[in-house]
Amino acid sequence: MQYQLTIDIDPQGVQNIYNSGQTITIVKSVNSSPLQSGNLPVAWIAFQPLETNVVTWEENYSIYATTTQLQSGATIQMSSTTSGSVQQGWLYTLAGGIFTGTTGGGATTFNAGNAMSQHPFSFGLAQQTFINNVATTAPLNAIPVLYNESVSFTPLETISLFLSSYSNNGVVISQVAGNALVVTLSSQTPSAAIGFNDATNSFFQQSTAKLLDAYDFAKRLSAPAR
């Protein structure tokens, strides 16, 4: 299943965002079990906008481990990742510096275990996205997982969209902005059209948009800047 956001910003809005040194920042929700209090959200992607921005992704995930200290402003460095997309119902265990998958995890969740005692690790899901046809893979979330413990993840197609000063993907943030636009997608509504209000510097949902076909997408990318 492919999901898509089309974000339109008028020229003045684009100029204001660039002049302020800010980016479009997107946080995607992930439920974790066991639930741990005090975990900070992660900015999945942060990018400087064009007038028309197309962000797409599919329901493919990897599990990663990191030794990055989870404090606000830190960019997560994914030290180890699973090879290929992970499957629900499997348990991916980090041992000897690599992940190995076996059946036996929660049937409807993505599951990981920590068999390494040398360092404190945090685990999370990572996902690839295409931003204006440029691919990037970045963390969605991060939680500490102690040695000999396991964790389960359930990603949600709930997106929080706002402006921030973060310039990297996978940055730990103190909180989602209070004026963030929250968009929930599903198999029935896999796409949304987003606008930008120059007066309030915030995003709003225009409607549910159709996925662009390849011709329309290419035409938007090749259109001259105004």
Protein backbone atom coordinates (compact mmCIF):
# COMPACT_ATOMS: atom_id res chain seq x y z
CA MET A 1 0.00 0.00 0.00
CA GLN A 2 1.37 3.40 -0.99
CA TYR A 3 0.61 6.59 0.93
CA GLN A 4 1.08 10.14 -0.26
CA LEU A 5 1.05 13.72 0.96
CA THR A 6 0.94 16.56 -1.55
CA ILE A 7 1.98 19.79 0.15
CA ASP A 8 1.38 23.04 -1.74
CA ILE A 9 2.94 26.32 -0.54
CA ASP A 10 2.67 29.66 -2.32
CA PRO A 11 5.89 31.52 -3.30
CA GLN A 12 5.70 33.91 -0.34
CA GLY A 13 5.33 31.02 2.06
CA VAL A 14 8.32 29.20 0.57
CA GLN A 15 10.41 32.37 0.83
CA ASN A 16 9.39 32.91 4.46
CA ILE A 17 10.33 29.33 5.37
CA TYR A 18 13.74 29.63 3.69
CA ASN A 19 14.43 33.05 5.23
CA SER A 20 13.69 31.70 8.72
CA GLY A 21 15.96 28.68 8.23
CA GLN A 22 13.12 26.27 8.93
CA THR A 23 12.03 22.98 7.37
CA ILE A 24 8.89 20.96 6.86
CA THR A 25 9.05 18.38 9.64
CA ILE A 26 7.04 15.14 9.74
CA VAL A 27 6.59 12.84 12.72
CA LYS A 28 4.93 9.45 12.20
CA SER A 29 3.27 7.73 15.15
CA VAL A 30 4.42 4.32 16.43
CA ASN A 31 2.97 2.43 19.39
CA SER A 32 5.55 0.53 21.45
CA SER A 33 5.12 -2.31 23.93
CA PRO A 34 6.08 -2.29 26.71
CA LEU A 35 5.13 1.38 26.83
CA GLN A 36 7.87 3.46 28.42
CA SER A 37 7.26 6.90 29.87
CA GLY A 38 9.54 9.80 29.06
CA ASN A 39 10.30 8.78 25.49
CA LEU A 40 10.78 11.70 23.14
CA PRO A 41 9.32 11.81 19.62
CA VAL A 42 11.50 11.51 16.54
CA ALA A 43 11.33 13.75 13.47
CA TRP A 44 11.13 11.14 10.72
CA ILE A 45 11.93 13.61 7.93
CA ALA A 46 12.79 17.31 7.72
CA PHE A 47 13.25 19.04 4.37
CA GLN A 48 13.28 22.47 2.75
CA PRO A 49 10.17 22.89 0.62
CA LEU A 50 9.38 23.59 -3.00
CA GLU A 51 6.08 25.12 -4.04
CA THR A 52 4.67 21.63 -4.63
CA ASN A 53 6.03 18.80 -2.51
CA VAL A 54 5.14 15.14 -2.94
CA VAL A 55 5.97 12.75 -0.09
CA THR A 56 5.28 9.04 -0.60
CA TRP A 57 5.98 5.85 1.32
CA GLU A 58 4.95 2.22 1.49
CA GLU A 59 4.28 -0.15 4.40
CA ASN A 60 7.81 -1.55 4.51
CA TYR A 61 9.90 -1.24 7.66
CA SER A 62 13.28 -2.18 9.05
CA ILE A 63 14.31 -2.49 12.69
CA TYR A 64 17.44 -0.69 13.82
CA ALA A 65 19.61 -0.40 16.92
CA THR A 66 21.48 2.70 18.03
CA THR A 67 23.79 3.81 20.82
CA THR A 68 22.82 7.47 20.27
CA GLN A 69 21.80 9.09 23.54
CA LEU A 70 18.12 9.93 23.20
CA GLN A 71 18.11 13.61 24.07
CA SER A 72 16.45 16.51 22.28
CA GLY A 73 18.43 17.64 19.24
CA ALA A 74 20.37 14.40 18.79
CA THR A 75 20.43 12.88 15.31
CA ILE A 76 19.98 9.12 15.57
CA GLN A 77 22.78 7.08 14.01
CA MET A 78 21.50 3.66 13.03
CA SER A 79 24.36 1.35 14.06
CA SER A 80 22.74 -1.95 13.02
CA THR A 81 19.68 -2.60 10.86
CA THR A 82 17.80 -5.63 9.67
CA SER A 83 18.47 -6.69 6.10
CA GLY A 84 15.38 -6.15 3.98
CA SER A 85 11.87 -5.50 5.27
CA VAL A 86 10.83 -7.02 8.58
CA GLN A 87 7.73 -9.16 8.95
CA GLN A 88 5.03 -9.19 11.57
CA GLY A 89 5.07 -12.33 13.68
CA TRP A 90 8.86 -12.62 13.66
CA LEU A 91 11.36 -11.78 16.39
CA TYR A 92 14.53 -9.98 15.24
CA THR A 93 17.29 -10.40 17.82
CA LEU A 94 20.43 -8.26 17.94
CA ALA A 95 23.38 -10.53 18.76
CA GLY A 96 27.01 -10.22 17.74
CA GLY A 97 26.26 -6.83 16.20
CA ILE A 98 23.67 -8.08 13.69
CA PHE A 99 19.95 -8.81 13.64
CA THR A 100 18.72 -12.35 13.03
CA GLY A 101 15.03 -13.09 12.48
CA THR A 102 13.07 -16.13 13.61
CA THR A 103 9.38 -16.87 13.91
CA GLY A 104 7.77 -16.52 17.30
CA GLY A 105 7.10 -12.82 17.87
CA GLY A 106 3.75 -11.10 18.30
CA ALA A 107 1.58 -11.99 15.31
CA THR A 108 0.42 -8.43 14.55
CA THR A 109 3.49 -6.46 15.61
CA PHE A 110 7.12 -5.93 14.59
CA ASN A 111 9.29 -7.46 17.30
CA ALA A 112 12.92 -7.09 18.38
CA GLY A 113 15.12 -8.47 21.14
CA ASN A 114 18.44 -7.36 22.61
CA ALA A 115 21.03 -10.09 23.24
CA MET A 116 23.98 -7.70 23.56
CA SER A 117 25.22 -6.65 26.98
CA GLN A 118 28.22 -4.55 25.90
CA HIS A 119 26.44 -1.23 25.34
CA PRO A 120 23.10 0.40 26.16
CA PHE A 121 20.98 0.19 23.01
CA SER A 122 17.81 1.81 21.80
CA PHE A 123 15.67 0.14 19.14
CA GLY A 124 13.10 1.50 16.71
CA LEU A 125 11.52 1.22 13.31
CA ALA A 126 12.95 2.91 10.22
CA GLN A 127 11.10 3.53 6.97
CA GLN A 128 11.98 4.71 3.49
CA THR A 129 10.20 7.70 2.01
CA PHE A 130 10.46 9.58 -1.27
CA ILE A 131 10.55 13.38 -0.94
CA ASN A 132 10.03 14.98 -4.34
CA ASN A 133 11.28 11.74 -5.89
CA VAL A 134 14.43 11.56 -3.72
CA ALA A 135 14.66 8.46 -1.51
CA THR A 136 15.71 8.56 2.13
CA THR A 137 15.42 6.10 5.01
CA ALA A 138 15.19 7.40 8.57
CA PRO A 139 14.06 6.35 12.06
CA LEU A 140 10.42 6.69 13.06
CA ASN A 141 10.89 6.20 16.80
CA ALA A 142 13.37 5.07 19.44
CA ILE A 143 13.11 3.47 22.87
CA PRO A 144 15.78 1.99 25.19
CA VAL A 145 15.84 -1.82 25.27
CA LEU A 146 17.87 -3.45 28.02
CA TYR A 147 19.95 -6.60 27.62
CA ASN A 148 17.79 -9.75 27.43
CA GLU A 149 14.62 -7.71 26.87
CA SER A 150 12.35 -7.44 23.84
CA VAL A 151 10.04 -4.81 22.40
CA SER A 152 7.16 -4.70 19.92
CA PHE A 153 6.23 -1.91 17.53
CA THR A 154 2.95 -1.05 15.81
CA PRO A 155 3.33 1.77 13.25
CA LEU A 156 0.33 3.99 12.57
CA GLU A 157 -0.48 6.00 9.47
CA THR A 158 -0.92 9.10 11.63
CA ILE A 159 1.29 11.97 10.52
CA SER A 160 2.09 15.21 12.38
CA LEU A 161 3.24 18.01 10.06
CA PHE A 162 4.78 21.31 11.20
CA LEU A 163 7.67 23.74 10.73
CA SER A 164 10.81 23.42 12.81
CA SER A 165 14.47 24.40 12.87
CA TYR A 166 15.61 20.76 12.57
CA SER A 167 17.61 20.10 9.42
CA ASN A 168 18.29 16.37 9.69
CA ASN A 169 16.12 13.29 9.36
CA GLY A 170 15.81 11.11 12.46
CA VAL A 171 16.28 13.90 15.01
CA VAL A 172 15.05 13.38 18.56
CA ILE A 173 12.77 16.30 19.40
CA SER A 174 11.43 17.61 22.70
CA GLN A 175 7.82 17.64 21.51
CA VAL A 176 5.59 17.92 18.48
CA ALA A 177 4.67 21.54 17.80
CA GLY A 178 1.37 22.64 19.25
CA ASN A 179 0.16 23.89 15.86
CA ALA A 180 1.05 20.66 14.06
CA LEU A 181 -1.43 19.36 11.50
CA VAL A 182 -2.37 15.77 12.29
CA VAL A 183 -3.35 13.67 9.27
CA THR A 184 -4.61 10.09 9.53
CA LEU A 185 -4.39 7.98 6.38
CA SER A 186 -5.82 4.54 5.69
CA SER A 187 -6.35 2.04 2.89
CA GLN A 188 -9.59 3.90 2.08
CA THR A 189 -7.93 7.36 2.16
CA PRO A 190 -4.25 6.76 1.30
CA SER A 191 -3.48 10.33 0.31
CA ALA A 192 -4.09 13.90 1.42
CA ALA A 193 -3.66 17.38 -0.06
CA ILE A 194 -2.07 19.86 2.33
CA GLY A 195 -1.98 23.65 2.12
CA PHE A 196 0.01 26.28 4.02
CA ASN A 197 -1.27 29.40 5.75
CA ASP A 198 1.28 32.22 5.42
CA ALA A 199 -0.33 34.27 8.18
CA THR A 200 -0.13 31.55 10.86
CA ASN A 201 2.84 29.59 9.41
CA SER A 202 0.87 26.39 9.79
CA PHE A 203 -0.45 23.63 7.56
CA PHE A 204 -4.06 22.68 6.87
CA GLN A 205 -5.68 19.75 5.12
CA GLN A 206 -7.39 20.72 1.89
CA SER A 207 -8.95 17.42 0.90
CA THR A 208 -8.24 13.80 0.17
CA ALA A 209 -6.15 13.78 -2.99
CA LYS A 210 -5.72 11.15 -5.65
CA LEU A 211 -2.32 9.54 -6.00
CA LEU A 212 -0.41 11.14 -8.85
CA ASP A 213 0.29 8.95 -11.82
CA ALA A 214 3.85 8.79 -13.13
CA TYR A 215 3.21 11.34 -15.89
CA ASP A 216 1.65 13.91 -13.58
CA PHE A 217 4.40 13.46 -11.00
CA ALA A 218 7.14 13.91 -13.62
CA LYS A 219 5.39 16.99 -15.01
CA ARG A 220 5.29 18.60 -11.55
CA LEU A 221 8.97 17.94 -10.96
CA SER A 222 9.98 19.39 -14.35
CA ALA A 223 7.84 22.51 -14.06
CA PRO A 224 9.98 25.71 -14.00
CA ALA A 225 10.21 27.58 -10.69
CA ARG A 226 8.09 30.71 -10.50
